[in-house]
Amino acid sequence: MVSQSQMLLSVDPNRISPHLLYQFFRSEAGRAQLLANTSTTGVPAIARPTTSLRAISVVVPTPKVSAAFDRVAGALSDKQISNERENALLGASRDALLPKLLSGELRIRDAEKLVEAHT
C-alpha cells in the first residue's frame, strides 16, 4: 500500500498482461472485488494487502490471447498518452494566444504564423 487511497502492484507479464489486470481493476467487477476487502476506513486492508489481493479472482486468458490483448491495449494506451500531451499543448497555446487576440495585441494572421512555426 502506498497510501490509504493508492497501491502499487507489480505484475509478472509472463503470467498475466499488465494492461489486462489494469483494465480489470478499472471495471465494475474488479473494483467490487478490491473493495470487498476494505477495512472500516474504506480502503483495502492496509495491514494485509497481499492477503486482500490473493482473495481476488481474475480470469487469466491463454498466453496467446493475453499477448494479443496487450498489443491492442498497449497501442490504445500509447495513443491516449499522446492525445493527453497534445491536449495540454493545445490548451497552453490557447491560453497564451487568446488574451492577446481578444485585446488586439495579436492579429489572427500573426497567430496563424506562430502556430504553423510550432507544428
N, C-alpha and C. Protein backbone atom coordinates (compact mmCIF):
# COMPACT_ATOMS: atom_id res chain seq x y z
N MET A 1 0.84 -1.16 0.00
CA MET A 1 0.00 0.00 0.00
C MET A 1 0.89 1.23 0.00
N VAL A 2 0.63 2.15 -0.91
CA VAL A 2 1.37 3.41 -0.99
C VAL A 2 0.76 4.41 -0.02
N SER A 3 -0.55 4.46 0.02
CA SER A 3 -1.27 5.33 0.94
C SER A 3 -2.66 4.73 1.14
N GLN A 4 -3.53 5.45 1.84
CA GLN A 4 -4.87 4.92 2.06
C GLN A 4 -5.72 4.90 0.80
N SER A 5 -5.27 5.59 -0.25
CA SER A 5 -6.05 5.61 -1.49
C SER A 5 -5.27 5.11 -2.69
N GLN A 6 -4.05 4.60 -2.47
CA GLN A 6 -3.23 4.14 -3.58
C GLN A 6 -2.50 2.85 -3.21
N MET A 7 -2.31 2.01 -4.22
CA MET A 7 -1.46 0.85 -4.01
C MET A 7 -0.62 0.65 -5.26
N LEU A 8 0.53 0.06 -5.07
CA LEU A 8 1.44 -0.25 -6.16
C LEU A 8 1.44 -1.75 -6.32
N LEU A 9 1.16 -2.21 -7.51
CA LEU A 9 1.06 -3.64 -7.77
C LEU A 9 2.01 -3.99 -8.90
N SER A 10 2.92 -4.92 -8.64
CA SER A 10 3.82 -5.41 -9.69
C SER A 10 3.20 -6.66 -10.29
N VAL A 11 3.35 -6.78 -11.59
CA VAL A 11 2.74 -7.90 -12.31
C VAL A 11 3.82 -8.66 -13.06
N ASP A 12 3.76 -9.97 -12.99
CA ASP A 12 4.65 -10.81 -13.79
C ASP A 12 4.04 -10.91 -15.18
N PRO A 13 4.62 -10.20 -16.18
CA PRO A 13 4.00 -10.21 -17.52
C PRO A 13 3.99 -11.58 -18.18
N ASN A 14 4.74 -12.55 -17.64
CA ASN A 14 4.69 -13.90 -18.18
C ASN A 14 3.47 -14.67 -17.69
N ARG A 15 2.82 -14.14 -16.63
CA ARG A 15 1.64 -14.81 -16.08
C ARG A 15 0.34 -14.13 -16.47
N ILE A 16 0.36 -12.78 -16.57
CA ILE A 16 -0.85 -12.04 -16.95
C ILE A 16 -0.44 -10.70 -17.56
N SER A 17 -1.21 -10.24 -18.49
CA SER A 17 -0.95 -8.96 -19.14
C SER A 17 -1.17 -7.82 -18.14
N PRO A 18 -0.18 -6.94 -17.98
CA PRO A 18 -0.37 -5.79 -17.09
C PRO A 18 -1.57 -4.92 -17.53
N HIS A 19 -1.75 -4.78 -18.83
CA HIS A 19 -2.88 -3.99 -19.34
C HIS A 19 -4.22 -4.65 -18.99
N LEU A 20 -4.25 -5.98 -19.09
CA LEU A 20 -5.48 -6.70 -18.77
C LEU A 20 -5.81 -6.53 -17.29
N LEU A 21 -4.82 -6.66 -16.41
CA LEU A 21 -5.08 -6.52 -14.99
C LEU A 21 -5.48 -5.10 -14.64
N TYR A 22 -4.86 -4.11 -15.28
CA TYR A 22 -5.23 -2.71 -15.07
C TYR A 22 -6.69 -2.48 -15.45
N GLN A 23 -7.08 -2.98 -16.62
CA GLN A 23 -8.45 -2.81 -17.08
C GLN A 23 -9.44 -3.57 -16.17
N PHE A 24 -9.01 -4.71 -15.66
CA PHE A 24 -9.86 -5.46 -14.75
C PHE A 24 -10.16 -4.63 -13.50
N PHE A 25 -9.14 -4.03 -12.91
CA PHE A 25 -9.35 -3.23 -11.70
C PHE A 25 -10.10 -1.93 -11.98
N ARG A 26 -10.14 -1.50 -13.22
CA ARG A 26 -10.95 -0.32 -13.59
C ARG A 26 -12.40 -0.71 -13.81
N SER A 27 -12.66 -1.99 -14.04
CA SER A 27 -14.02 -2.44 -14.31
C SER A 27 -14.84 -2.48 -13.02
N GLU A 28 -16.14 -2.53 -13.17
CA GLU A 28 -17.04 -2.60 -12.02
C GLU A 28 -16.78 -3.87 -11.20
N ALA A 29 -16.58 -4.99 -11.89
CA ALA A 29 -16.33 -6.26 -11.19
C ALA A 29 -15.00 -6.22 -10.44
N GLY A 30 -13.98 -5.66 -11.06
CA GLY A 30 -12.67 -5.57 -10.41
C GLY A 30 -12.69 -4.66 -9.20
N ARG A 31 -13.34 -3.52 -9.34
CA ARG A 31 -13.45 -2.59 -8.20
C ARG A 31 -14.24 -3.22 -7.06
N ALA A 32 -15.31 -3.94 -7.41
CA ALA A 32 -16.13 -4.59 -6.38
C ALA A 32 -15.31 -5.60 -5.60
N GLN A 33 -14.50 -6.40 -6.31
CA GLN A 33 -13.68 -7.38 -5.62
C GLN A 33 -12.62 -6.72 -4.76
N LEU A 34 -12.03 -5.66 -5.26
CA LEU A 34 -11.00 -4.95 -4.49
C LEU A 34 -11.61 -4.32 -3.24
N LEU A 35 -12.77 -3.69 -3.40
CA LEU A 35 -13.40 -3.02 -2.26
C LEU A 35 -14.08 -3.99 -1.31
N ALA A 36 -14.25 -5.24 -1.72
CA ALA A 36 -14.84 -6.24 -0.82
C ALA A 36 -13.91 -6.50 0.36
N ASN A 37 -12.66 -6.13 0.22
CA ASN A 37 -11.67 -6.36 1.28
C ASN A 37 -11.31 -5.07 2.00
N THR A 38 -12.25 -4.15 2.06
CA THR A 38 -11.96 -2.89 2.74
C THR A 38 -12.08 -3.07 4.25
N SER A 39 -11.34 -2.22 4.92
CA SER A 39 -11.45 -2.20 6.38
C SER A 39 -12.47 -1.13 6.75
N THR A 40 -12.55 -0.81 8.02
CA THR A 40 -13.52 0.19 8.45
C THR A 40 -13.20 1.58 7.91
N THR A 41 -11.97 1.80 7.43
CA THR A 41 -11.61 3.10 6.89
C THR A 41 -12.00 3.22 5.43
N GLY A 42 -12.47 2.13 4.81
CA GLY A 42 -12.92 2.19 3.43
C GLY A 42 -11.82 1.94 2.41
N VAL A 43 -10.68 1.43 2.84
CA VAL A 43 -9.60 1.12 1.91
C VAL A 43 -9.26 -0.35 2.02
N PRO A 44 -8.67 -0.94 0.97
CA PRO A 44 -8.28 -2.35 1.08
C PRO A 44 -7.39 -2.54 2.29
N ALA A 45 -7.57 -3.65 2.96
CA ALA A 45 -6.90 -3.90 4.23
C ALA A 45 -5.41 -3.58 4.15
N ILE A 46 -5.05 -2.45 4.70
CA ILE A 46 -3.67 -1.96 4.64
C ILE A 46 -2.72 -2.90 5.37
N ALA A 47 -3.17 -3.47 6.45
CA ALA A 47 -2.30 -4.34 7.24
C ALA A 47 -1.97 -5.64 6.51
N ARG A 48 -2.79 -6.06 5.58
CA ARG A 48 -2.57 -7.31 4.88
C ARG A 48 -2.93 -7.21 3.41
N PRO A 49 -2.22 -6.35 2.64
CA PRO A 49 -2.58 -6.18 1.23
C PRO A 49 -2.40 -7.44 0.40
N THR A 50 -1.38 -8.25 0.71
CA THR A 50 -1.16 -9.48 -0.06
C THR A 50 -2.33 -10.43 0.12
N THR A 51 -2.82 -10.56 1.34
CA THR A 51 -3.98 -11.42 1.61
C THR A 51 -5.20 -10.90 0.86
N SER A 52 -5.40 -9.59 0.88
CA SER A 52 -6.54 -8.99 0.18
C SER A 52 -6.47 -9.25 -1.31
N LEU A 53 -5.28 -9.09 -1.90
CA LEU A 53 -5.14 -9.30 -3.34
C LEU A 53 -5.29 -10.77 -3.72
N ARG A 54 -4.80 -11.66 -2.89
CA ARG A 54 -4.93 -13.09 -3.20
C ARG A 54 -6.38 -13.57 -3.15
N ALA A 55 -7.22 -12.84 -2.45
CA ALA A 55 -8.63 -13.21 -2.38
C ALA A 55 -9.40 -12.82 -3.64
N ILE A 56 -8.77 -12.04 -4.50
CA ILE A 56 -9.44 -11.58 -5.73
C ILE A 56 -9.30 -12.62 -6.82
N SER A 57 -10.39 -12.90 -7.49
CA SER A 57 -10.43 -13.89 -8.56
C SER A 57 -10.40 -13.18 -9.92
N VAL A 58 -9.42 -13.53 -10.75
CA VAL A 58 -9.27 -12.94 -12.08
C VAL A 58 -9.16 -14.07 -13.11
N VAL A 59 -9.93 -13.97 -14.17
CA VAL A 59 -9.83 -14.95 -15.25
C VAL A 59 -8.58 -14.61 -16.06
N VAL A 60 -7.68 -15.57 -16.19
CA VAL A 60 -6.43 -15.35 -16.92
C VAL A 60 -6.53 -16.08 -18.26
N PRO A 61 -6.48 -15.32 -19.36
CA PRO A 61 -6.58 -15.96 -20.68
C PRO A 61 -5.30 -16.71 -21.04
N THR A 62 -5.36 -17.41 -22.14
CA THR A 62 -4.17 -18.11 -22.62
C THR A 62 -3.08 -17.09 -22.94
N PRO A 63 -1.82 -17.51 -22.95
CA PRO A 63 -0.73 -16.57 -23.28
C PRO A 63 -0.93 -15.89 -24.64
N LYS A 64 -1.46 -16.61 -25.62
CA LYS A 64 -1.67 -16.04 -26.94
C LYS A 64 -2.72 -14.92 -26.89
N VAL A 65 -3.83 -15.16 -26.20
CA VAL A 65 -4.89 -14.16 -26.08
C VAL A 65 -4.38 -12.97 -25.25
N SER A 66 -3.65 -13.27 -24.20
CA SER A 66 -3.11 -12.22 -23.34
C SER A 66 -2.15 -11.33 -24.11
N ALA A 67 -1.29 -11.93 -24.93
CA ALA A 67 -0.34 -11.15 -25.73
C ALA A 67 -1.07 -10.28 -26.75
N ALA A 68 -2.11 -10.82 -27.37
CA ALA A 68 -2.89 -10.05 -28.34
C ALA A 68 -3.58 -8.88 -27.65
N PHE A 69 -4.16 -9.12 -26.48
CA PHE A 69 -4.80 -8.05 -25.72
C PHE A 69 -3.77 -6.98 -25.36
N ASP A 70 -2.60 -7.41 -24.93
CA ASP A 70 -1.53 -6.48 -24.53
C ASP A 70 -1.11 -5.59 -25.70
N ARG A 71 -1.02 -6.16 -26.89
CA ARG A 71 -0.64 -5.36 -28.07
C ARG A 71 -1.68 -4.28 -28.35
N VAL A 72 -2.95 -4.68 -28.35
CA VAL A 72 -4.03 -3.73 -28.65
C VAL A 72 -4.15 -2.69 -27.54
N ALA A 73 -4.20 -3.15 -26.29
CA ALA A 73 -4.35 -2.23 -25.16
C ALA A 73 -3.13 -1.32 -25.03
N GLY A 74 -1.95 -1.85 -25.32
CA GLY A 74 -0.74 -1.02 -25.26
C GLY A 74 -0.77 0.09 -26.30
N ALA A 75 -1.21 -0.23 -27.50
CA ALA A 75 -1.32 0.78 -28.55
C ALA A 75 -2.35 1.85 -28.18
N LEU A 76 -3.49 1.42 -27.62
CA LEU A 76 -4.51 2.37 -27.20
C LEU A 76 -4.01 3.25 -26.05
N SER A 77 -3.28 2.66 -25.13
CA SER A 77 -2.72 3.42 -24.01
C SER A 77 -1.71 4.45 -24.51
N ASP A 78 -0.85 4.05 -25.44
CA ASP A 78 0.12 4.98 -26.02
C ASP A 78 -0.60 6.14 -26.72
N LYS A 79 -1.67 5.83 -27.45
CA LYS A 79 -2.44 6.86 -28.14
C LYS A 79 -3.10 7.80 -27.14
N GLN A 80 -3.62 7.26 -26.06
CA GLN A 80 -4.24 8.09 -25.03
C GLN A 80 -3.21 9.06 -24.43
N ILE A 81 -2.03 8.57 -24.13
CA ILE A 81 -0.97 9.43 -23.58
C ILE A 81 -0.59 10.52 -24.58
N SER A 82 -0.48 10.14 -25.85
CA SER A 82 -0.16 11.10 -26.90
C SER A 82 -1.25 12.17 -27.01
N ASN A 83 -2.51 11.75 -26.96
CA ASN A 83 -3.63 12.69 -27.03
C ASN A 83 -3.65 13.64 -25.83
N GLU A 84 -3.35 13.11 -24.65
CA GLU A 84 -3.32 13.95 -23.45
C GLU A 84 -2.22 15.01 -23.56
N ARG A 85 -1.06 14.63 -24.08
CA ARG A 85 0.03 15.59 -24.27
C ARG A 85 -0.36 16.66 -25.29
N GLU A 86 -0.98 16.22 -26.38
CA GLU A 86 -1.41 17.16 -27.41
C GLU A 86 -2.47 18.12 -26.87
N ASN A 87 -3.40 17.59 -26.08
CA ASN A 87 -4.43 18.45 -25.47
C ASN A 87 -3.80 19.49 -24.55
N ALA A 88 -2.80 19.09 -23.78
CA ALA A 88 -2.13 20.02 -22.88
C ALA A 88 -1.43 21.12 -23.69
N LEU A 89 -0.77 20.73 -24.78
CA LEU A 89 -0.10 21.70 -25.63
C LEU A 89 -1.10 22.67 -26.28
N LEU A 90 -2.20 22.12 -26.78
CA LEU A 90 -3.23 22.97 -27.39
C LEU A 90 -3.85 23.91 -26.35
N GLY A 91 -4.08 23.42 -25.16
CA GLY A 91 -4.64 24.27 -24.11
C GLY A 91 -3.69 25.39 -23.73
N ALA A 92 -2.40 25.07 -23.64
CA ALA A 92 -1.41 26.10 -23.32
C ALA A 92 -1.32 27.14 -24.44
N SER A 93 -1.40 26.68 -25.68
CA SER A 93 -1.37 27.61 -26.82
C SER A 93 -2.59 28.52 -26.79
N ARG A 94 -3.75 27.95 -26.54
CA ARG A 94 -4.99 28.73 -26.44
C ARG A 94 -4.88 29.76 -25.32
N ASP A 95 -4.40 29.33 -24.16
CA ASP A 95 -4.31 30.23 -23.02
C ASP A 95 -3.32 31.36 -23.26
N ALA A 96 -2.28 31.08 -24.05
CA ALA A 96 -1.29 32.12 -24.35
C ALA A 96 -1.78 33.07 -25.45
N LEU A 97 -2.47 32.54 -26.45
CA LEU A 97 -2.86 33.36 -27.60
C LEU A 97 -4.19 34.10 -27.43
N LEU A 98 -5.16 33.48 -26.77
CA LEU A 98 -6.50 34.06 -26.71
C LEU A 98 -6.53 35.46 -26.09
N PRO A 99 -5.89 35.69 -24.96
CA PRO A 99 -5.94 37.05 -24.41
C PRO A 99 -5.34 38.09 -25.36
N LYS A 100 -4.28 37.72 -26.07
CA LYS A 100 -3.64 38.65 -27.00
C LYS A 100 -4.52 38.91 -28.21
N LEU A 101 -5.24 37.86 -28.65
CA LEU A 101 -6.16 38.03 -29.78
C LEU A 101 -7.34 38.92 -29.38
N LEU A 102 -7.88 38.69 -28.21
CA LEU A 102 -9.04 39.47 -27.75
C LEU A 102 -8.69 40.94 -27.50
N SER A 103 -7.47 41.18 -27.04
CA SER A 103 -7.07 42.56 -26.76
C SER A 103 -6.62 43.30 -28.03
N GLY A 104 -6.42 42.57 -29.11
CA GLY A 104 -5.96 43.19 -30.34
C GLY A 104 -4.44 43.30 -30.42
N GLU A 105 -3.77 42.83 -29.39
CA GLU A 105 -2.30 42.85 -29.37
C GLU A 105 -1.73 41.94 -30.45
N LEU A 106 -2.47 40.90 -30.80
CA LEU A 106 -2.02 39.94 -31.80
C LEU A 106 -3.14 39.78 -32.83
N ARG A 107 -2.75 39.81 -34.11
CA ARG A 107 -3.72 39.64 -35.18
C ARG A 107 -3.80 38.17 -35.56
N ILE A 108 -4.93 37.77 -36.13
CA ILE A 108 -5.15 36.37 -36.48
C ILE A 108 -4.08 35.86 -37.43
N ARG A 109 -3.72 36.66 -38.42
CA ARG A 109 -2.69 36.22 -39.38
C ARG A 109 -1.37 35.95 -38.66
N ASP A 110 -1.02 36.80 -37.70
CA ASP A 110 0.21 36.61 -36.95
C ASP A 110 0.14 35.36 -36.07
N ALA A 111 -1.02 35.12 -35.49
CA ALA A 111 -1.22 33.93 -34.66
C ALA A 111 -1.11 32.66 -35.50
N GLU A 112 -1.68 32.68 -36.71
CA GLU A 112 -1.58 31.54 -37.60
C GLU A 112 -0.13 31.24 -37.94
N LYS A 113 0.65 32.27 -38.17
CA LYS A 113 2.08 32.08 -38.46
C LYS A 113 2.81 31.47 -37.28
N LEU A 114 2.48 31.92 -36.08
CA LEU A 114 3.10 31.36 -34.87
C LEU A 114 2.78 29.88 -34.71
N VAL A 115 1.52 29.55 -34.93
CA VAL A 115 1.09 28.16 -34.80
C VAL A 115 1.77 27.29 -35.85
N GLU A 116 1.82 27.75 -37.10
CA GLU A 116 2.46 26.99 -38.16
C GLU A 116 3.95 26.77 -37.88
N ALA A 117 4.60 27.75 -37.27
CA ALA A 117 6.02 27.64 -36.96
C ALA A 117 6.28 26.59 -35.89
N HIS A 118 5.30 26.29 -35.05
CA HIS A 118 5.49 25.35 -33.96
C HIS A 118 4.88 23.99 -34.23
N THR A 119 4.34 23.77 -35.43
CA THR A 119 3.78 22.45 -35.74
C THR A 119 4.60 21.73 -36.77
